[in-house]
Amino acid sequence: MAQVTFQDLRRVADSLALLKGRTVVDASVRSDFRQLKLELSDGMVVVIAVESTESGPPHLSVDVVRLPEERSRQLEVRFDTF
């Protein structure tokens, strides 16, 4: 069984804390069980994966993708011709 470092587990816990109070609308696992993808109702996507390297222990990674914040209205500038 592969060992995961405490720092990796801490990062996963911190990332999963972002999910508190949110609704998961879809979850999928890769066929080799190396990746879990959660899609939330607000469009956020969380991917937890085990990345193996040839040298050293496997690395647990967490990626959180958020939708960009709504942009404010654009300023329209018109140039009058002389």
PDB file of N, CA and C in Angstrom:
ATOM      1  N   MET A   1       0.837  -1.173   0.000  1.00  0.00           N
ATOM      2  CA  MET A   1       0.000   0.000   0.000  1.00  0.00           C
ATOM      3  C   MET A   1       0.886   1.242   0.000  1.00  0.00           C
ATOM      4  N   ALA A   2       0.532   2.225  -0.818  1.00  0.00           N
ATOM      5  CA  ALA A   2       1.315   3.452  -0.936  1.00  0.00           C
ATOM      6  C   ALA A   2       1.084   4.360   0.269  1.00  0.00           C
ATOM      7  N   GLN A   3       2.141   5.040   0.661  1.00  0.00           N
ATOM      8  CA  GLN A   3       2.056   5.975   1.772  1.00  0.00           C
ATOM      9  C   GLN A   3       1.873   7.392   1.221  1.00  0.00           C
ATOM     10  N   VAL A   4       1.034   8.178   1.863  1.00  0.00           N
ATOM     11  CA  VAL A   4       0.795   9.562   1.469  1.00  0.00           C
ATOM     12  C   VAL A   4       1.310  10.452   2.587  1.00  0.00           C
ATOM     13  N   THR A   5       1.978  11.537   2.229  1.00  0.00           N
ATOM     14  CA  THR A   5       2.550  12.409   3.244  1.00  0.00           C
ATOM     15  C   THR A   5       1.474  13.212   3.971  1.00  0.00           C
ATOM     16  N   PHE A   6       1.811  13.656   5.155  1.00  0.00           N
ATOM     17  CA  PHE A   6       0.894  14.460   5.955  1.00  0.00           C
ATOM     18  C   PHE A   6       0.556  15.764   5.235  1.00  0.00           C
ATOM     19  N   GLN A   7       1.540  16.363   4.566  1.00  0.00           N
ATOM     20  CA  GLN A   7       1.306  17.612   3.843  1.00  0.00           C
ATOM     21  C   GLN A   7       0.286  17.416   2.729  1.00  0.00           C
ATOM     22  N   ASP A   8       0.356  16.278   2.047  1.00  0.00           N
ATOM     23  CA  ASP A   8      -0.616  15.985   0.993  1.00  0.00           C
ATOM     24  C   ASP A   8      -2.020  15.867   1.571  1.00  0.00           C
ATOM     25  N   LEU A   9      -2.133  15.165   2.675  1.00  0.00           N
ATOM     26  CA  LEU A   9      -3.447  15.015   3.307  1.00  0.00           C
ATOM     27  C   LEU A   9      -3.977  16.363   3.790  1.00  0.00           C
ATOM     28  N   ARG A  10      -3.096  17.201   4.288  1.00  0.00           N
ATOM     29  CA  ARG A  10      -3.506  18.528   4.751  1.00  0.00           C
ATOM     30  C   ARG A  10      -4.056  19.363   3.596  1.00  0.00           C
ATOM     31  N   ARG A  11      -3.372  19.311   2.437  1.00  0.00           N
ATOM     32  CA  ARG A  11      -3.838  20.041   1.251  1.00  0.00           C
ATOM     33  C   ARG A  11      -5.205  19.545   0.802  1.00  0.00           C
ATOM     34  N   VAL A  12      -5.413  18.239   0.835  1.00  0.00           N
ATOM     35  CA  VAL A  12      -6.708  17.671   0.449  1.00  0.00           C
ATOM     36  C   VAL A  12      -7.788  18.139   1.415  1.00  0.00           C
ATOM     37  N   ALA A  13      -7.508  18.094   2.700  1.00  0.00           N
ATOM     38  CA  ALA A  13      -8.485  18.517   3.703  1.00  0.00           C
ATOM     39  C   ALA A  13      -8.841  19.988   3.534  1.00  0.00           C
ATOM     40  N   ASP A  14      -7.843  20.836   3.296  1.00  0.00           N
ATOM     41  CA  ASP A  14      -8.098  22.261   3.091  1.00  0.00           C
ATOM     42  C   ASP A  14      -8.948  22.494   1.845  1.00  0.00           C
ATOM     43  N   SER A  15      -8.668  21.764   0.781  1.00  0.00           N
ATOM     44  CA  SER A  15      -9.438  21.916  -0.451  1.00  0.00           C
ATOM     45  C   SER A  15     -10.868  21.416  -0.284  1.00  0.00           C
ATOM     46  N   LEU A  16     -11.021  20.309   0.411  1.00  0.00           N
ATOM     47  CA  LEU A  16     -12.367  19.770   0.622  1.00  0.00           C
ATOM     48  C   LEU A  16     -13.194  20.652   1.554  1.00  0.00           C
ATOM     49  N   ALA A  17     -12.533  21.425   2.405  1.00  0.00           N
ATOM     50  CA  ALA A  17     -13.257  22.350   3.273  1.00  0.00           C
ATOM     51  C   ALA A  17     -13.998  23.397   2.437  1.00  0.00           C
ATOM     52  N   LEU A  18     -13.500  23.678   1.235  1.00  0.00           N
ATOM     53  CA  LEU A  18     -14.175  24.616   0.340  1.00  0.00           C
ATOM     54  C   LEU A  18     -15.542  24.096  -0.115  1.00  0.00           C
ATOM     55  N   LEU A  19     -15.743  22.793  -0.011  1.00  0.00           N
ATOM     56  CA  LEU A  19     -16.994  22.189  -0.475  1.00  0.00           C
ATOM     57  C   LEU A  19     -18.121  22.282   0.542  1.00  0.00           C
ATOM     58  N   LYS A  20     -17.796  22.679   1.746  1.00  0.00           N
ATOM     59  CA  LYS A  20     -18.796  22.723   2.806  1.00  0.00           C
ATOM     60  C   LYS A  20     -19.973  23.623   2.405  1.00  0.00           C
ATOM     61  N   GLY A  21     -21.170  23.072   2.490  1.00  0.00           N
ATOM     62  CA  GLY A  21     -22.379  23.819   2.162  1.00  0.00           C
ATOM     63  C   GLY A  21     -22.689  23.874   0.673  1.00  0.00           C
ATOM     64  N   ARG A  22     -21.893  23.251  -0.169  1.00  0.00           N
ATOM     65  CA  ARG A  22     -22.134  23.262  -1.610  1.00  0.00           C
ATOM     66  C   ARG A  22     -22.751  21.932  -2.034  1.00  0.00           C
ATOM     67  N   THR A  23     -23.407  21.942  -3.173  1.00  0.00           N
ATOM     68  CA  THR A  23     -24.083  20.752  -3.669  1.00  0.00           C
ATOM     69  C   THR A  23     -23.259  20.102  -4.773  1.00  0.00           C
ATOM     70  N   VAL A  24     -22.949  18.819  -4.601  1.00  0.00           N
ATOM     71  CA  VAL A  24     -22.239  18.060  -5.625  1.00  0.00           C
ATOM     72  C   VAL A  24     -23.283  17.539  -6.612  1.00  0.00           C
ATOM     73  N   VAL A  25     -23.116  17.884  -7.896  1.00  0.00           N
ATOM     74  CA  VAL A  25     -24.080  17.447  -8.907  1.00  0.00           C
ATOM     75  C   VAL A  25     -23.572  16.259  -9.708  1.00  0.00           C
ATOM     76  N   ASP A  26     -22.266  16.021  -9.701  1.00  0.00           N
ATOM     77  CA  ASP A  26     -21.729  14.880 -10.426  1.00  0.00           C
ATOM     78  C   ASP A  26     -20.386  14.485  -9.816  1.00  0.00           C
ATOM     79  N   ALA A  27     -20.136  13.207  -9.810  1.00  0.00           N
ATOM     80  CA  ALA A  27     -18.858  12.679  -9.330  1.00  0.00           C
ATOM     81  C   ALA A  27     -18.455  11.541 -10.255  1.00  0.00           C
ATOM     82  N   SER A  28     -17.180  11.502 -10.610  1.00  0.00           N
ATOM     83  CA  SER A  28     -16.703  10.415 -11.461  1.00  0.00           C
ATOM     84  C   SER A  28     -15.309   9.995 -11.016  1.00  0.00           C
ATOM     85  N   VAL A  29     -15.020   8.723 -11.227  1.00  0.00           N
ATOM     86  CA  VAL A  29     -13.735   8.142 -10.864  1.00  0.00           C
ATOM     87  C   VAL A  29     -13.139   7.511 -12.116  1.00  0.00           C
ATOM     88  N   ARG A  30     -11.861   7.765 -12.359  1.00  0.00           N
ATOM     89  CA  ARG A  30     -11.196   7.118 -13.492  1.00  0.00           C
ATOM     90  C   ARG A  30     -11.204   5.615 -13.308  1.00  0.00           C
ATOM     91  N   SER A  31     -11.130   4.896 -14.391  1.00  0.00           N
ATOM     92  CA  SER A  31     -11.196   3.439 -14.334  1.00  0.00           C
ATOM     93  C   SER A  31     -10.042   2.821 -13.541  1.00  0.00           C
ATOM     94  N   ASP A  32      -8.900   3.508 -13.456  1.00  0.00           N
ATOM     95  CA  ASP A  32      -7.777   2.980 -12.683  1.00  0.00           C
ATOM     96  C   ASP A  32      -7.770   3.507 -11.244  1.00  0.00           C
ATOM     97  N   PHE A  33      -8.838   4.195 -10.852  1.00  0.00           N
ATOM     98  CA  PHE A  33      -9.024   4.718  -9.489  1.00  0.00           C
ATOM     99  C   PHE A  33      -7.944   5.711  -9.065  1.00  0.00           C
ATOM    100  N   ARG A  34      -7.316   6.373 -10.004  1.00  0.00           N
ATOM    101  CA  ARG A  34      -6.267   7.336  -9.670  1.00  0.00           C
ATOM    102  C   ARG A  34      -6.768   8.778  -9.662  1.00  0.00           C
ATOM    103  N   GLN A  35      -8.052   8.977  -9.983  1.00  0.00           N
ATOM    104  CA  GLN A  35      -8.562  10.346 -10.024  1.00  0.00           C
ATOM    105  C   GLN A  35     -10.050  10.377  -9.680  1.00  0.00           C
ATOM    106  N   LEU A  36     -10.408  11.327  -8.816  1.00  0.00           N
ATOM    107  CA  LEU A  36     -11.798  11.587  -8.450  1.00  0.00           C
ATOM    108  C   LEU A  36     -12.121  13.010  -8.875  1.00  0.00           C
ATOM    109  N   LYS A  37     -13.213  13.165  -9.638  1.00  0.00           N
ATOM    110  CA  LYS A  37     -13.626  14.488 -10.115  1.00  0.00           C
ATOM    111  C   LYS A  37     -15.019  14.787  -9.586  1.00  0.00           C
ATOM    112  N   LEU A  38     -15.150  15.929  -8.889  1.00  0.00           N
ATOM    113  CA  LEU A  38     -16.428  16.364  -8.347  1.00  0.00           C
ATOM    114  C   LEU A  38     -16.845  17.646  -9.045  1.00  0.00           C
ATOM    115  N   GLU A  39     -18.086  17.677  -9.533  1.00  0.00           N
ATOM    116  CA  GLU A  39     -18.626  18.886 -10.139  1.00  0.00           C
ATOM    117  C   GLU A  39     -19.709  19.418  -9.215  1.00  0.00           C
ATOM    118  N   LEU A  40     -19.650  20.712  -8.913  1.00  0.00           N
ATOM    119  CA  LEU A  40     -20.589  21.331  -7.984  1.00  0.00           C
ATOM    120  C   LEU A  40     -21.622  22.154  -8.734  1.00  0.00           C
ATOM    121  N   SER A  41     -22.728  22.420  -8.056  1.00  0.00           N
ATOM    122  CA  SER A  41     -23.841  23.125  -8.700  1.00  0.00           C
ATOM    123  C   SER A  41     -23.484  24.543  -9.132  1.00  0.00           C
ATOM    124  N   ASP A  42     -22.505  25.161  -8.490  1.00  0.00           N
ATOM    125  CA  ASP A  42     -22.120  26.523  -8.859  1.00  0.00           C
ATOM    126  C   ASP A  42     -21.049  26.561  -9.952  1.00  0.00           C
ATOM    127  N   GLY A  43     -20.707  25.399 -10.526  1.00  0.00           N
ATOM    128  CA  GLY A  43     -19.740  25.335 -11.606  1.00  0.00           C
ATOM    129  C   GLY A  43     -18.324  25.018 -11.179  1.00  0.00           C
ATOM    130  N   MET A  44     -18.068  24.977  -9.878  1.00  0.00           N
ATOM    131  CA  MET A  44     -16.732  24.652  -9.390  1.00  0.00           C
ATOM    132  C   MET A  44     -16.451  23.170  -9.657  1.00  0.00           C
ATOM    133  N   VAL A  45     -15.205  22.868  -9.988  1.00  0.00           N
ATOM    134  CA  VAL A  45     -14.780  21.489 -10.232  1.00  0.00           C
ATOM    135  C   VAL A  45     -13.590  21.197  -9.321  1.00  0.00           C
ATOM    136  N   VAL A  46     -13.638  20.045  -8.632  1.00  0.00           N
ATOM    137  CA  VAL A  46     -12.555  19.618  -7.761  1.00  0.00           C
ATOM    138  C   VAL A  46     -12.029  18.283  -8.290  1.00  0.00           C
ATOM    139  N   VAL A  47     -10.720  18.214  -8.502  1.00  0.00           N
ATOM    140  CA  VAL A  47     -10.094  16.977  -8.986  1.00  0.00           C
ATOM    141  C   VAL A  47      -9.036  16.559  -7.977  1.00  0.00           C
ATOM    142  N   ILE A  48      -9.187  15.345  -7.454  1.00  0.00           N
ATOM    143  CA  ILE A  48      -8.213  14.763  -6.529  1.00  0.00           C
ATOM    144  C   ILE A  48      -7.568  13.595  -7.262  1.00  0.00           C
ATOM    145  N   ALA A  49      -6.238  13.604  -7.333  1.00  0.00           N
ATOM    146  CA  ALA A  49      -5.550  12.579  -8.111  1.00  0.00           C
ATOM    147  C   ALA A  49      -4.306  12.085  -7.393  1.00  0.00           C
ATOM    148  N   VAL A  50      -3.952  10.850  -7.682  1.00  0.00           N
ATOM    149  CA  VAL A  50      -2.699  10.265  -7.210  1.00  0.00           C
ATOM    150  C   VAL A  50      -1.767  10.227  -8.407  1.00  0.00           C
ATOM    151  N   GLU A  51      -0.643  10.920  -8.273  1.00  0.00           N
ATOM    152  CA  GLU A  51       0.344  10.970  -9.342  1.00  0.00           C
ATOM    153  C   GLU A  51       1.545  10.149  -8.917  1.00  0.00           C
ATOM    154  N   SER A  52       1.819   9.099  -9.669  1.00  0.00           N
ATOM    155  CA  SER A  52       2.965   8.259  -9.313  1.00  0.00           C
ATOM    156  C   SER A  52       4.184   8.695 -10.119  1.00  0.00           C
ATOM    157  N   THR A  53       5.315   8.612  -9.462  1.00  0.00           N
ATOM    158  CA  THR A  53       6.573   8.953 -10.111  1.00  0.00           C
ATOM    159  C   THR A  53       7.468   7.727 -10.078  1.00  0.00           C
ATOM    160  N   GLU A  54       8.421   7.691 -10.977  1.00  0.00           N
ATOM    161  CA  GLU A  54       9.322   6.551 -11.024  1.00  0.00           C
ATOM    162  C   GLU A  54      10.246   6.523  -9.816  1.00  0.00           C
ATOM    163  N   SER A  55      10.590   7.708  -9.325  1.00  0.00           N
ATOM    164  CA  SER A  55      11.448   7.765  -8.151  1.00  0.00           C
ATOM    165  C   SER A  55      10.686   8.450  -7.023  1.00  0.00           C
ATOM    166  N   GLY A  56      10.543   7.772  -5.935  1.00  0.00           N
ATOM    167  CA  GLY A  56       9.864   8.361  -4.795  1.00  0.00           C
ATOM    168  C   GLY A  56       8.425   7.901  -4.653  1.00  0.00           C
ATOM    169  N   PRO A  57       7.807   8.313  -3.559  1.00  0.00           N
ATOM    170  CA  PRO A  57       6.442   7.879  -3.270  1.00  0.00           C
ATOM    171  C   PRO A  57       5.434   8.610  -4.159  1.00  0.00           C
ATOM    172  N   PRO A  58       4.215   8.073  -4.278  1.00  0.00           N
ATOM    173  CA  PRO A  58       3.185   8.760  -5.055  1.00  0.00           C
ATOM    174  C   PRO A  58       2.827  10.096  -4.410  1.00  0.00           C
ATOM    175  N   HIS A  59       2.342  10.995  -5.225  1.00  0.00           N
ATOM    176  CA  HIS A  59       2.003  12.349  -4.786  1.00  0.00           C
ATOM    177  C   HIS A  59       0.497  12.540  -4.938  1.00  0.00           C
ATOM    178  N   LEU A  60      -0.138  13.030  -3.892  1.00  0.00           N
ATOM    179  CA  LEU A  60      -1.573  13.304  -3.911  1.00  0.00           C
ATOM    180  C   LEU A  60      -1.764  14.762  -4.295  1.00  0.00           C
ATOM    181  N   SER A  61      -2.535  15.002  -5.367  1.00  0.00           N
ATOM    182  CA  SER A  61      -2.750  16.382  -5.804  1.00  0.00           C
ATOM    183  C   SER A  61      -4.234  16.728  -5.773  1.00  0.00           C
ATOM    184  N   VAL A  62      -4.504  17.995  -5.529  1.00  0.00           N
ATOM    185  CA  VAL A  62      -5.871  18.500  -5.504  1.00  0.00           C
ATOM    186  C   VAL A  62      -5.914  19.767  -6.330  1.00  0.00           C
ATOM    187  N   ASP A  63      -6.819  19.800  -7.279  1.00  0.00           N
ATOM    188  CA  ASP A  63      -7.015  20.995  -8.096  1.00  0.00           C
ATOM    189  C   ASP A  63      -8.450  21.460  -7.920  1.00  0.00           C
ATOM    190  N   VAL A  64      -8.613  22.751  -7.647  1.00  0.00           N
ATOM    191  CA  VAL A  64      -9.935  23.355  -7.523  1.00  0.00           C
ATOM    192  C   VAL A  64     -10.040  24.412  -8.611  1.00  0.00           C
ATOM    193  N   VAL A  65     -11.037  24.239  -9.464  1.00  0.00           N
ATOM    194  CA  VAL A  65     -11.239  25.180 -10.564  1.00  0.00           C
ATOM    195  C   VAL A  65     -12.526  25.934 -10.287  1.00  0.00           C
ATOM    196  N   ARG A  66     -12.405  27.245 -10.189  1.00  0.00           N
ATOM    197  CA  ARG A  66     -13.573  28.090  -9.930  1.00  0.00           C
ATOM    198  C   ARG A  66     -13.937  28.848 -11.194  1.00  0.00           C
ATOM    199  N   LEU A  67     -15.207  29.169 -11.318  1.00  0.00           N
ATOM    200  CA  LEU A  67     -15.636  30.023 -12.413  1.00  0.00           C
ATOM    201  C   LEU A  67     -15.078  31.417 -12.187  1.00  0.00           C
ATOM    202  N   PRO A  68     -14.727  32.114 -13.245  1.00  0.00           N
ATOM    203  CA  PRO A  68     -14.228  33.479 -13.051  1.00  0.00           C
ATOM    204  C   PRO A  68     -15.326  34.354 -12.466  1.00  0.00           C
ATOM    205  N   GLU A  69     -14.907  35.299 -11.634  1.00  0.00           N
ATOM    206  CA  GLU A  69     -15.880  36.209 -11.055  1.00  0.00           C
ATOM    207  C   GLU A  69     -16.499  37.049 -12.159  1.00  0.00           C
ATOM    208  N   GLU A  70     -17.741  37.411 -11.942  1.00  0.00           N
ATOM    209  CA  GLU A  70     -18.446  38.184 -12.953  1.00  0.00           C
ATOM    210  C   GLU A  70     -17.730  39.517 -13.154  1.00  0.00           C
ATOM    211  N   ARG A  71     -17.481  39.818 -14.377  1.00  0.00           N
ATOM    212  CA  ARG A  71     -16.777  41.055 -14.689  1.00  0.00           C
ATOM    213  C   ARG A  71     -17.753  42.221 -14.617  1.00  0.00           C
ATOM    214  N   SER A  72     -17.204  43.343 -14.249  1.00  0.00           N
ATOM    215  CA  SER A  72     -18.052  44.529 -14.233  1.00  0.00           C
ATOM    216  C   SER A  72     -18.310  44.968 -15.671  1.00  0.00           C
ATOM    217  N   ARG A  73     -19.236  45.843 -15.827  1.00  0.00           N
ATOM    218  CA  ARG A  73     -19.581  46.307 -17.158  1.00  0.00           C
ATOM    219  C   ARG A  73     -18.375  46.980 -17.800  1.00  0.00           C
ATOM    220  N   GLN A  74     -18.267  46.800 -19.088  1.00  0.00           N
ATOM    221  CA  GLN A  74     -17.162  47.411 -19.806  1.00  0.00           C
ATOM    222  C   GLN A  74     -17.463  48.877 -20.070  1.00  0.00           C
ATOM    223  N   LEU A  75     -16.435  49.650 -20.082  1.00  0.00           N
ATOM    224  CA  LEU A  75     -16.540  51.067 -20.375  1.00  0.00           C
ATOM    225  C   LEU A  75     -16.467  51.250 -21.882  1.00  0.00           C
ATOM    226  N   GLU A  76     -17.460  51.925 -22.435  1.00  0.00           N
ATOM    227  CA  GLU A  76     -17.460  52.179 -23.866  1.00  0.00           C
ATOM    228  C   GLU A  76     -16.990  53.602 -24.117  1.00  0.00           C
ATOM    229  N   VAL A  77     -16.010  53.731 -24.976  1.00  0.00           N
ATOM    230  CA  VAL A  77     -15.451  55.043 -25.306  1.00  0.00           C
ATOM    231  C   VAL A  77     -15.679  55.283 -26.783  1.00  0.00           C
ATOM    232  N   ARG A  78     -16.304  56.394 -27.088  1.00  0.00           N
ATOM    233  CA  ARG A  78     -16.551  56.745 -28.487  1.00  0.00           C
ATOM    234  C   ARG A  78     -15.669  57.940 -28.867  1.00  0.00           C
ATOM    235  N   PHE A  79     -15.117  57.864 -30.025  1.00  0.00           N
ATOM    236  CA  PHE A  79     -14.294  58.965 -30.532  1.00  0.00           C
ATOM    237  C   PHE A  79     -15.081  59.681 -31.602  1.00  0.00           C
ATOM    238  N   ASP A  80     -15.289  60.966 -31.402  1.00  0.00           N
ATOM    239  CA  ASP A  80     -15.989  61.766 -32.399  1.00  0.00           C
ATOM    240  C   ASP A  80     -14.999  62.176 -33.478  1.00  0.00           C
ATOM    241  N   THR A  81     -15.481  62.183 -34.705  1.00  0.00           N
ATOM    242  CA  THR A  81     -14.617  62.621 -35.810  1.00  0.00           C
ATOM    243  C   THR A  81     -14.748  64.123 -35.974  1.00  0.00           C
ATOM    244  N   PHE A  82     -13.666  64.759 -36.340  1.00  0.00           N
ATOM    245  CA  PHE A  82     -13.675  66.210 -36.498  1.00  0.00           C
ATOM    246  C   PHE A  82     -13.795  66.574 -37.935  1.00  0.00           C
TER     247      PHE A  82
END
